[in-house]
Amino acid sequence: MSLDHGRRASGRGKAMLPPRWFVVTFWHAHRALVRLTKGRVGLWRPKPDGWGALWLTTTGRRSRQPRQVLVGYFEDGDDYVTMAMNGWGAAEPAWWLNLQAHPDAVAQTRDGVRPVRARRAQGPERERLWARWAQIDKNLDAYAARRPTETAVVVLEPRDRTSTGGRS
């Protein structure tokens, strides 16, 4: 594994992704299913060897209106960890741009709803969390190499902890 995890990198193996139209169609259908069932179907807890799915509500950076997106995640203590990958497309996902402007959000998992504050993992923490994702997804580095910029590892901390002196 290279030291520039998630950056445009070496020509190491080409992992196959479904066509972009398929990825987009799948996520639209998945979002509709979660919306129709109010989260009873389509959200799942992470397993030791896999990620879960959560429903994230952000505040639009320009509109200031609620925006909802489904993201994959795993748990790191009390935190949820996700990646700003946009289906491995080149552009930054809108939800990540929204969180950079307004870091307070709401995460809904199978276990309930939690107010969270988002931040980008940096340095050794990012390396550790990236390595954890790589255990879950063996093609992670190859997928990330398709993106022109480093893929942000996003930590969603419980808001009650961040407002009372948690990590910043």
C-alpha atoms as a PDB file:
ATOM      1  CA  MET A   1       0.000   0.000   0.000  1.00  0.00           C
ATOM      2  CA  SER A   2       1.396   3.403  -0.943  1.00  0.00           C
ATOM      3  CA  LEU A   3       1.784   6.210   1.565  1.00  0.00           C
ATOM      4  CA  ASP A   4      -0.454   8.539  -0.447  1.00  0.00           C
ATOM      5  CA  HIS A   5      -3.663   6.654   0.274  1.00  0.00           C
ATOM      6  CA  GLY A   6      -6.556   8.175  -1.582  1.00  0.00           C
ATOM      7  CA  ARG A   7      -4.520  10.456  -3.778  1.00  0.00           C
ATOM      8  CA  ARG A   8      -3.996  10.174  -7.465  1.00  0.00           C
ATOM      9  CA  ALA A   9      -1.386   7.521  -7.401  1.00  0.00           C
ATOM     10  CA  SER A  10       0.583   4.817  -9.030  1.00  0.00           C
ATOM     11  CA  GLY A  11      -0.863   2.782 -11.837  1.00  0.00           C
ATOM     12  CA  ARG A  12      -1.478  -0.076  -9.431  1.00  0.00           C
ATOM     13  CA  GLY A  13      -4.176  -2.454 -10.648  1.00  0.00           C
ATOM     14  CA  LYS A  14      -7.321  -1.195 -12.262  1.00  0.00           C
ATOM     15  CA  ALA A  15     -10.316  -2.117 -10.143  1.00  0.00           C
ATOM     16  CA  MET A  16     -13.488  -2.486 -12.163  1.00  0.00           C
ATOM     17  CA  LEU A  17     -16.362  -0.184 -11.315  1.00  0.00           C
ATOM     18  CA  PRO A  18     -19.854  -0.465 -12.753  1.00  0.00           C
ATOM     19  CA  PRO A  19     -20.675   2.186 -15.376  1.00  0.00           C
ATOM     20  CA  ARG A  20     -21.379   5.631 -13.881  1.00  0.00           C
ATOM     21  CA  TRP A  21     -25.030   5.547 -15.052  1.00  0.00           C
ATOM     22  CA  PHE A  22     -25.524   2.326 -13.056  1.00  0.00           C
ATOM     23  CA  VAL A  23     -23.962   3.751  -9.890  1.00  0.00           C
ATOM     24  CA  VAL A  24     -26.129   6.886 -10.096  1.00  0.00           C
ATOM     25  CA  THR A  25     -29.305   4.894 -10.839  1.00  0.00           C
ATOM     26  CA  PHE A  26     -28.608   2.508  -7.947  1.00  0.00           C
ATOM     27  CA  TRP A  27     -28.106   5.345  -5.450  1.00  0.00           C
ATOM     28  CA  HIS A  28     -31.284   7.123  -6.619  1.00  0.00           C
ATOM     29  CA  ALA A  29     -33.282   3.897  -6.201  1.00  0.00           C
ATOM     30  CA  HIS A  30     -31.703   3.217  -2.804  1.00  0.00           C
ATOM     31  CA  ARG A  31     -32.489   6.762  -1.629  1.00  0.00           C
ATOM     32  CA  ALA A  32     -36.116   6.408  -2.807  1.00  0.00           C
ATOM     33  CA  LEU A  33     -36.445   3.119  -0.894  1.00  0.00           C
ATOM     34  CA  VAL A  34     -35.112   4.658   2.325  1.00  0.00           C
ATOM     35  CA  ARG A  35     -37.312   7.731   1.911  1.00  0.00           C
ATOM     36  CA  LEU A  36     -40.473   5.667   1.219  1.00  0.00           C
ATOM     37  CA  THR A  37     -39.886   3.401   4.221  1.00  0.00           C
ATOM     38  CA  LYS A  38     -38.661   6.232   6.490  1.00  0.00           C
ATOM     39  CA  GLY A  39     -35.435   4.304   7.031  1.00  0.00           C
ATOM     40  CA  ARG A  40     -36.972   0.940   7.959  1.00  0.00           C
ATOM     41  CA  VAL A  41     -35.476  -0.530   4.769  1.00  0.00           C
ATOM     42  CA  GLY A  42     -32.157   0.400   3.183  1.00  0.00           C
ATOM     43  CA  LEU A  43     -30.133   1.339   6.262  1.00  0.00           C
ATOM     44  CA  TRP A  44     -27.893  -1.283   7.837  1.00  0.00           C
ATOM     45  CA  ARG A  45     -25.316  -1.533  10.582  1.00  0.00           C
ATOM     46  CA  PRO A  46     -21.676  -2.087   9.687  1.00  0.00           C
ATOM     47  CA  LYS A  47     -20.327  -5.585  10.168  1.00  0.00           C
ATOM     48  CA  PRO A  48     -16.724  -6.384  11.177  1.00  0.00           C
ATOM     49  CA  ASP A  49     -15.826  -7.023   7.531  1.00  0.00           C
ATOM     50  CA  GLY A  50     -18.196  -4.531   5.914  1.00  0.00           C
ATOM     51  CA  TRP A  51     -19.625  -1.053   6.006  1.00  0.00           C
ATOM     52  CA  GLY A  52     -23.116   0.080   6.927  1.00  0.00           C
ATOM     53  CA  ALA A  53     -25.447   2.623   5.340  1.00  0.00           C
ATOM     54  CA  LEU A  54     -26.679   5.778   7.052  1.00  0.00           C
ATOM     55  CA  TRP A  55     -28.985   8.629   6.029  1.00  0.00           C
ATOM     56  CA  LEU A  56     -27.190  11.954   6.430  1.00  0.00           C
ATOM     57  CA  THR A  57     -29.048  15.273   6.523  1.00  0.00           C
ATOM     58  CA  THR A  58     -26.852  18.283   5.825  1.00  0.00           C
ATOM     59  CA  THR A  59     -27.617  21.975   5.345  1.00  0.00           C
ATOM     60  CA  GLY A  60     -27.246  23.222   1.766  1.00  0.00           C
ATOM     61  CA  ARG A  61     -24.265  25.558   1.522  1.00  0.00           C
ATOM     62  CA  ARG A  62     -26.139  28.030  -0.685  1.00  0.00           C
ATOM     63  CA  SER A  63     -29.816  27.239  -0.127  1.00  0.00           C
ATOM     64  CA  ARG A  64     -29.525  26.558   3.617  1.00  0.00           C
ATOM     65  CA  GLN A  65     -32.237  23.919   3.026  1.00  0.00           C
ATOM     66  CA  PRO A  66     -31.970  20.356   4.390  1.00  0.00           C
ATOM     67  CA  ARG A  67     -30.282  17.948   1.958  1.00  0.00           C
ATOM     68  CA  GLN A  68     -30.287  14.177   2.426  1.00  0.00           C
ATOM     69  CA  VAL A  69     -27.852  11.588   1.169  1.00  0.00           C
ATOM     70  CA  LEU A  70     -27.053   7.943   1.858  1.00  0.00           C
ATOM     71  CA  VAL A  71     -23.450   7.198   2.719  1.00  0.00           C
ATOM     72  CA  GLY A  72     -21.489   4.110   3.635  1.00  0.00           C
ATOM     73  CA  TYR A  73     -19.878   4.194   7.067  1.00  0.00           C
ATOM     74  CA  PHE A  74     -18.159   2.265   9.795  1.00  0.00           C
ATOM     75  CA  GLU A  75     -17.954   3.013  13.496  1.00  0.00           C
ATOM     76  CA  ASP A  76     -14.816   4.231  15.238  1.00  0.00           C
ATOM     77  CA  GLY A  77     -15.751   4.384  18.905  1.00  0.00           C
ATOM     78  CA  ASP A  78     -18.689   6.801  19.085  1.00  0.00           C
ATOM     79  CA  ASP A  79     -17.868   8.306  15.681  1.00  0.00           C
ATOM     80  CA  TYR A  80     -19.184   7.377  12.261  1.00  0.00           C
ATOM     81  CA  VAL A  81     -16.561   7.405   9.512  1.00  0.00           C
ATOM     82  CA  THR A  82     -17.376   7.859   5.832  1.00  0.00           C
ATOM     83  CA  MET A  83     -15.572   8.954   2.684  1.00  0.00           C
ATOM     84  CA  ALA A  84     -16.314  11.861   0.362  1.00  0.00           C
ATOM     85  CA  MET A  85     -15.991   9.784  -2.787  1.00  0.00           C
ATOM     86  CA  ASN A  86     -19.023  10.625  -4.961  1.00  0.00           C
ATOM     87  CA  GLY A  87     -19.236   7.078  -6.294  1.00  0.00           C
ATOM     88  CA  TRP A  88     -15.516   7.404  -7.133  1.00  0.00           C
ATOM     89  CA  GLY A  89     -16.340  10.178  -9.604  1.00  0.00           C
ATOM     90  CA  ALA A  90     -13.963  13.131 -10.012  1.00  0.00           C
ATOM     91  CA  ALA A  91     -16.132  15.827  -8.399  1.00  0.00           C
ATOM     92  CA  GLU A  92     -16.411  16.344  -4.664  1.00  0.00           C
ATOM     93  CA  PRO A  93     -19.840  15.197  -3.457  1.00  0.00           C
ATOM     94  CA  ALA A  94     -22.300  18.008  -2.716  1.00  0.00           C
ATOM     95  CA  TRP A  95     -22.903  16.659   0.793  1.00  0.00           C
ATOM     96  CA  TRP A  96     -19.208  17.082   1.619  1.00  0.00           C
ATOM     97  CA  LEU A  97     -19.182  20.631   0.252  1.00  0.00           C
ATOM     98  CA  ASN A  98     -22.284  21.303   2.380  1.00  0.00           C
ATOM     99  CA  LEU A  99     -20.589  19.908   5.496  1.00  0.00           C
ATOM    100  CA  GLN A 100     -17.523  22.069   4.932  1.00  0.00           C
ATOM    101  CA  ALA A 101     -19.791  25.137   4.970  1.00  0.00           C
ATOM    102  CA  HIS A 102     -22.121  23.881   7.738  1.00  0.00           C
ATOM    103  CA  PRO A 103     -20.526  21.009   9.725  1.00  0.00           C
ATOM    104  CA  ASP A 104     -23.570  20.305  11.915  1.00  0.00           C
ATOM    105  CA  ALA A 105     -25.727  17.524  10.480  1.00  0.00           C
ATOM    106  CA  VAL A 106     -28.024  14.667  11.486  1.00  0.00           C
ATOM    107  CA  ALA A 107     -27.176  10.984  10.962  1.00  0.00           C
ATOM    108  CA  GLN A 108     -29.907   8.348  10.935  1.00  0.00           C
ATOM    109  CA  THR A 109     -28.815   4.734  11.342  1.00  0.00           C
ATOM    110  CA  ARG A 110     -30.708   1.549  12.128  1.00  0.00           C
ATOM    111  CA  ASP A 111     -30.122   2.493  15.764  1.00  0.00           C
ATOM    112  CA  GLY A 112     -31.782   5.909  15.583  1.00  0.00           C
ATOM    113  CA  VAL A 113     -31.089   9.564  14.888  1.00  0.00           C
ATOM    114  CA  ARG A 114     -28.023  11.413  16.145  1.00  0.00           C
ATOM    115  CA  PRO A 115     -26.937  15.043  15.756  1.00  0.00           C
ATOM    116  CA  VAL A 116     -23.338  15.048  14.497  1.00  0.00           C
ATOM    117  CA  ARG A 117     -20.558  17.467  13.625  1.00  0.00           C
ATOM    118  CA  ALA A 118     -18.400  16.654  10.612  1.00  0.00           C
ATOM    119  CA  ARG A 119     -14.674  17.122  10.228  1.00  0.00           C
ATOM    120  CA  ARG A 120     -11.956  15.905   7.876  1.00  0.00           C
ATOM    121  CA  ALA A 121      -9.579  13.349   9.370  1.00  0.00           C
ATOM    122  CA  GLN A 122      -5.949  14.476   9.099  1.00  0.00           C
ATOM    123  CA  GLY A 123      -2.494  12.960   9.492  1.00  0.00           C
ATOM    124  CA  PRO A 124      -2.117   9.736  11.471  1.00  0.00           C
ATOM    125  CA  GLU A 125      -5.845   9.580  12.192  1.00  0.00           C
ATOM    126  CA  ARG A 126      -6.612   9.684   8.462  1.00  0.00           C
ATOM    127  CA  GLU A 127      -4.023   6.986   7.774  1.00  0.00           C
ATOM    128  CA  ARG A 128      -5.531   4.746  10.470  1.00  0.00           C
ATOM    129  CA  LEU A 129      -9.102   5.236   9.229  1.00  0.00           C
ATOM    130  CA  TRP A 130      -8.046   4.774   5.592  1.00  0.00           C
ATOM    131  CA  ALA A 131      -6.357   1.492   6.542  1.00  0.00           C
ATOM    132  CA  ARG A 132      -9.598   0.371   8.214  1.00  0.00           C
ATOM    133  CA  TRP A 133     -11.546   1.119   4.993  1.00  0.00           C
ATOM    134  CA  ALA A 134      -8.907  -0.802   3.046  1.00  0.00           C
ATOM    135  CA  GLN A 135      -9.630  -3.852   5.234  1.00  0.00           C
ATOM    136  CA  ILE A 136     -13.295  -3.572   4.228  1.00  0.00           C
ATOM    137  CA  ASP A 137     -12.692  -2.763   0.544  1.00  0.00           C
ATOM    138  CA  LYS A 138      -9.633  -4.439  -0.974  1.00  0.00           C
ATOM    139  CA  ASN A 139      -9.876  -2.210  -4.091  1.00  0.00           C
ATOM    140  CA  LEU A 140      -9.876   1.056  -2.130  1.00  0.00           C
ATOM    141  CA  ASP A 141      -6.518   2.385  -3.339  1.00  0.00           C
ATOM    142  CA  ALA A 142      -7.269   1.484  -6.965  1.00  0.00           C
ATOM    143  CA  TYR A 143     -10.662   3.202  -6.810  1.00  0.00           C
ATOM    144  CA  ALA A 144      -9.209   6.283  -5.115  1.00  0.00           C
ATOM    145  CA  ALA A 145      -6.483   6.528  -7.771  1.00  0.00           C
ATOM    146  CA  ARG A 146      -9.249   7.294 -10.303  1.00  0.00           C
ATOM    147  CA  ARG A 147      -9.990  10.590  -8.552  1.00  0.00           C
ATOM    148  CA  PRO A 148      -7.917  13.690  -9.358  1.00  0.00           C
ATOM    149  CA  THR A 149      -7.744  14.773  -5.698  1.00  0.00           C
ATOM    150  CA  GLU A 150      -7.318  13.126  -2.329  1.00  0.00           C
ATOM    151  CA  THR A 151     -10.504  11.497  -1.063  1.00  0.00           C
ATOM    152  CA  ALA A 152     -11.545  13.071   2.232  1.00  0.00           C
ATOM    153  CA  VAL A 153     -12.091  10.733   5.160  1.00  0.00           C
ATOM    154  CA  VAL A 154     -14.993  12.332   7.034  1.00  0.00           C
ATOM    155  CA  VAL A 155     -15.539  11.817  10.760  1.00  0.00           C
ATOM    156  CA  LEU A 156     -19.067  12.401  12.070  1.00  0.00           C
ATOM    157  CA  GLU A 157     -18.731  13.035  15.798  1.00  0.00           C
ATOM    158  CA  PRO A 158     -21.693  13.074  18.195  1.00  0.00           C
ATOM    159  CA  ARG A 159     -22.578  16.737  18.545  1.00  0.00           C
ATOM    160  CA  ASP A 160     -23.034  16.548  22.310  1.00  0.00           C
ATOM    161  CA  ARG A 161     -19.397  15.473  22.626  1.00  0.00           C
ATOM    162  CA  THR A 162     -18.058  18.201  20.312  1.00  0.00           C
ATOM    163  CA  SER A 163     -19.994  20.917  22.130  1.00  0.00           C
ATOM    164  CA  THR A 164     -18.535  19.859  25.490  1.00  0.00           C
ATOM    165  CA  GLY A 165     -14.847  19.760  24.657  1.00  0.00           C
ATOM    166  CA  GLY A 166     -14.441  16.717  22.422  1.00  0.00           C
ATOM    167  CA  ARG A 167     -11.817  16.505  19.711  1.00  0.00           C
ATOM    168  CA  SER A 168     -11.840  19.324  17.205  1.00  0.00           C
END
